[in-house]
Amino acid sequence: MTGSTGNGKRKVTIYTDGGAIGNPGPGGYGAVLLFGDHRKELSGGFRKTTNNRMELLACIEALEALKHPCCVTLHSDSRYVVDGIEKGWARRWRSKGWMRNKNEAAKNADLWSRLLTLCDIHNATFKWVKGHAGDKENERCDVLANGTAQRSGLPPDANYEQGRTGAPAN
């Protein structure tokens, strides 16, 4: 959580969470970034989206907040996100034109593409943490995500609402 690695990259710890009320419905994400004595909290959301999109966006927003390439340990309670990165599913989907198999397109390819680009910049390791199990930072992310999802006047998740969550344009 403090200092830097042998390659000069800063070590950052990130916790994330996301969710949607009704799924799909109003959604929010929360992230906590820790670097030494520094702490940054992020949150945001959309008027209509999905749980998985908010889980992905929490990771994306947190990684995009980093000003320099870092060594990141990212904690998420989403198996979808952690397994998608750590088991190589997202990279495989990308290599197959965002197809999970011959007949099924990968969902949320627009966000997976952004996340993979950020993983290429940062040396990121994704760790699963059990949600709602007392982990202080995961609980804080949950509060941030839910608080945002309950706000009025949230903007649209344009890609979701317009059905553009498939393979990103080159």
Protein backbone atom coordinates (compact mmCIF):
# COMPACT_ATOMS: atom_id res chain seq x y z
CA MET A 1 0.00 0.00 0.00
CA THR A 2 2.95 2.34 0.43
CA GLY A 3 6.13 3.03 -1.45
CA SER A 4 7.02 1.84 -4.87
CA THR A 5 8.03 -1.36 -6.55
CA GLY A 6 11.45 -2.29 -7.84
CA ASN A 7 10.41 -1.04 -11.29
CA GLY A 8 9.63 2.43 -9.90
CA LYS A 9 5.87 2.12 -10.17
CA ARG A 10 3.84 3.32 -7.23
CA LYS A 11 1.92 0.69 -5.29
CA VAL A 12 -1.77 1.54 -5.02
CA THR A 13 -4.58 -0.41 -3.38
CA ILE A 14 -8.08 0.03 -4.78
CA TYR A 15 -11.46 -1.21 -3.56
CA THR A 16 -14.51 -1.03 -5.81
CA ASP A 17 -18.20 -1.84 -5.81
CA GLY A 18 -21.14 -1.22 -8.07
CA GLY A 19 -24.80 -2.06 -8.25
CA ALA A 20 -28.16 -1.27 -9.77
CA ILE A 21 -31.52 -0.96 -8.08
CA GLY A 22 -33.82 -3.32 -9.97
CA ASN A 23 -31.04 -4.47 -12.32
CA PRO A 24 -31.54 -2.87 -14.74
CA GLY A 25 -32.40 0.33 -13.00
CA PRO A 26 -30.69 3.30 -11.41
CA GLY A 27 -27.11 2.34 -10.70
CA GLY A 28 -24.04 3.56 -8.93
CA TYR A 29 -20.42 2.74 -8.33
CA GLY A 30 -17.95 3.54 -5.59
CA ALA A 31 -14.19 3.28 -5.35
CA VAL A 32 -11.59 3.88 -2.66
CA LEU A 33 -7.97 4.45 -3.73
CA LEU A 34 -5.19 4.12 -1.14
CA PHE A 35 -1.58 5.24 -1.64
CA GLY A 36 0.54 5.65 1.45
CA ASP A 37 -1.29 8.14 3.68
CA HIS A 38 -3.42 9.33 0.76
CA ARG A 39 -7.03 8.33 0.27
CA LYS A 40 -9.39 9.20 -2.57
CA GLU A 41 -13.04 8.24 -2.88
CA LEU A 42 -14.93 8.22 -6.19
CA SER A 43 -18.57 7.65 -7.02
CA GLY A 44 -20.95 8.11 -9.90
CA GLY A 45 -23.92 6.51 -11.55
CA PHE A 46 -26.59 6.41 -14.21
CA ARG A 47 -30.39 6.53 -14.34
CA LYS A 48 -30.68 3.10 -16.02
CA THR A 49 -27.91 0.55 -16.15
CA THR A 50 -26.95 -2.86 -14.77
CA ASN A 51 -25.09 -4.22 -11.78
CA ASN A 52 -22.28 -5.64 -13.93
CA ARG A 53 -21.80 -2.37 -15.80
CA MET A 54 -21.43 -0.51 -12.52
CA GLU A 55 -18.97 -3.10 -11.18
CA LEU A 56 -16.84 -2.63 -14.31
CA LEU A 57 -17.16 1.14 -14.28
CA ALA A 58 -15.99 1.34 -10.67
CA CYS A 59 -12.72 -0.32 -11.73
CA ILE A 60 -12.40 1.84 -14.83
CA GLU A 61 -12.98 5.12 -13.00
CA ALA A 62 -10.52 4.17 -10.25
CA LEU A 63 -7.77 3.20 -12.70
CA GLU A 64 -8.42 6.30 -14.82
CA ALA A 65 -7.92 8.45 -11.70
CA LEU A 66 -4.29 7.33 -11.45
CA LYS A 67 -1.94 9.97 -12.87
CA HIS A 68 0.98 7.62 -13.51
CA PRO A 69 1.38 3.93 -14.33
CA CYS A 70 1.12 2.05 -11.04
CA CYS A 71 1.23 -1.41 -9.53
CA VAL A 72 -2.34 -1.88 -8.43
CA THR A 73 -4.06 -4.41 -6.24
CA LEU A 74 -7.75 -3.98 -6.99
CA HIS A 75 -10.30 -5.57 -4.67
CA SER A 76 -13.82 -6.25 -5.96
CA ASP A 77 -16.73 -8.31 -4.70
CA SER A 78 -17.68 -9.08 -8.31
CA ARG A 79 -16.65 -12.50 -9.57
CA TYR A 80 -17.70 -11.29 -13.03
CA VAL A 81 -14.99 -8.62 -12.95
CA VAL A 82 -12.27 -10.50 -11.07
CA ASP A 83 -12.64 -13.72 -13.07
CA GLY A 84 -13.01 -11.78 -16.32
CA ILE A 85 -9.53 -10.33 -15.80
CA GLU A 86 -7.68 -12.94 -13.74
CA LYS A 87 -8.91 -15.96 -15.72
CA GLY A 88 -8.28 -14.19 -19.03
CA TRP A 89 -11.88 -14.28 -20.20
CA ALA A 90 -11.98 -10.62 -21.30
CA ARG A 91 -8.73 -10.88 -23.27
CA ARG A 92 -10.04 -14.04 -24.95
CA TRP A 93 -13.35 -12.34 -25.81
CA ARG A 94 -11.43 -9.41 -27.29
CA SER A 95 -9.22 -11.73 -29.35
CA LYS A 96 -12.37 -13.37 -30.75
CA GLY A 97 -14.02 -10.10 -31.79
CA TRP A 98 -15.92 -9.81 -28.47
CA MET A 99 -17.57 -13.19 -28.81
CA ARG A 100 -17.84 -15.56 -25.84
CA ASN A 101 -18.35 -18.48 -28.20
CA LYS A 102 -19.49 -18.98 -31.80
CA ASN A 103 -23.04 -17.86 -31.07
CA GLU A 104 -22.88 -15.55 -28.06
CA ALA A 105 -21.49 -12.02 -27.95
CA ALA A 106 -19.69 -10.86 -24.82
CA LYS A 107 -21.81 -8.45 -22.79
CA ASN A 108 -20.46 -5.03 -21.87
CA ALA A 109 -17.66 -5.19 -24.42
CA ASP A 110 -17.53 -1.38 -24.45
CA LEU A 111 -16.49 -1.37 -20.78
CA TRP A 112 -14.30 -4.48 -20.93
CA SER A 113 -12.35 -2.83 -23.74
CA ARG A 114 -11.70 0.25 -21.61
CA LEU A 115 -10.71 -1.87 -18.63
CA LEU A 116 -8.25 -3.96 -20.63
CA THR A 117 -6.62 -0.81 -21.99
CA LEU A 118 -6.13 0.43 -18.43
CA CYS A 119 -4.75 -2.96 -17.36
CA ASP A 120 -2.15 -2.58 -20.13
CA ILE A 121 -1.07 0.75 -18.59
CA HIS A 122 -1.07 -0.35 -14.97
CA ASN A 123 0.28 -3.58 -13.53
CA ALA A 124 -3.07 -4.56 -12.01
CA THR A 125 -3.91 -7.63 -9.99
CA PHE A 126 -7.59 -8.24 -9.25
CA LYS A 127 -8.57 -9.86 -5.95
CA TRP A 128 -12.02 -11.04 -4.97
CA VAL A 129 -13.36 -9.95 -1.60
CA LYS A 130 -16.60 -11.27 -0.16
CA GLY A 131 -19.22 -8.53 -0.24
CA HIS A 132 -21.19 -7.51 2.84
CA ALA A 133 -18.79 -9.42 5.04
CA GLY A 134 -17.35 -6.61 7.11
CA ASP A 135 -14.40 -5.53 4.96
CA LYS A 136 -14.22 -1.83 5.87
CA GLU A 137 -13.24 -0.51 2.45
CA ASN A 138 -15.61 -2.78 0.53
CA GLU A 139 -18.43 -1.62 2.80
CA ARG A 140 -17.49 2.01 2.13
CA CYS A 141 -17.63 1.39 -1.62
CA ASP A 142 -21.07 -0.16 -1.19
CA VAL A 143 -22.27 2.95 0.66
CA LEU A 144 -20.89 5.19 -2.11
CA ALA A 145 -22.47 3.09 -4.88
CA ASN A 146 -25.88 2.79 -3.23
CA GLY A 147 -25.96 6.43 -2.23
CA THR A 148 -25.33 7.48 -5.81
CA ALA A 149 -27.87 5.04 -7.27
CA GLN A 150 -30.55 6.62 -5.08
CA ARG A 151 -29.91 10.18 -6.27
CA SER A 152 -32.34 11.92 -8.57
CA GLY A 153 -31.23 13.43 -11.85
CA LEU A 154 -28.64 10.79 -12.76
CA PRO A 155 -27.36 11.00 -16.34
CA PRO A 156 -28.05 8.30 -18.94
CA ASP A 157 -25.70 5.38 -19.52
CA ALA A 158 -25.88 6.20 -23.21
CA ASN A 159 -24.25 3.00 -24.45
CA TYR A 160 -26.59 0.85 -22.36
CA GLU A 161 -29.76 2.78 -23.14
CA GLN A 162 -28.96 2.88 -26.85
CA GLY A 163 -27.94 -0.78 -27.02
CA ARG A 164 -24.30 0.00 -27.88
CA THR A 165 -22.61 -2.25 -25.34
CA GLY A 166 -21.16 -4.63 -27.90
CA ALA A 167 -17.81 -4.56 -29.62
CA PRO A 168 -16.29 -1.07 -29.59
CA ALA A 169 -15.58 0.67 -32.87
CA ASN A 170 -11.95 0.71 -33.91
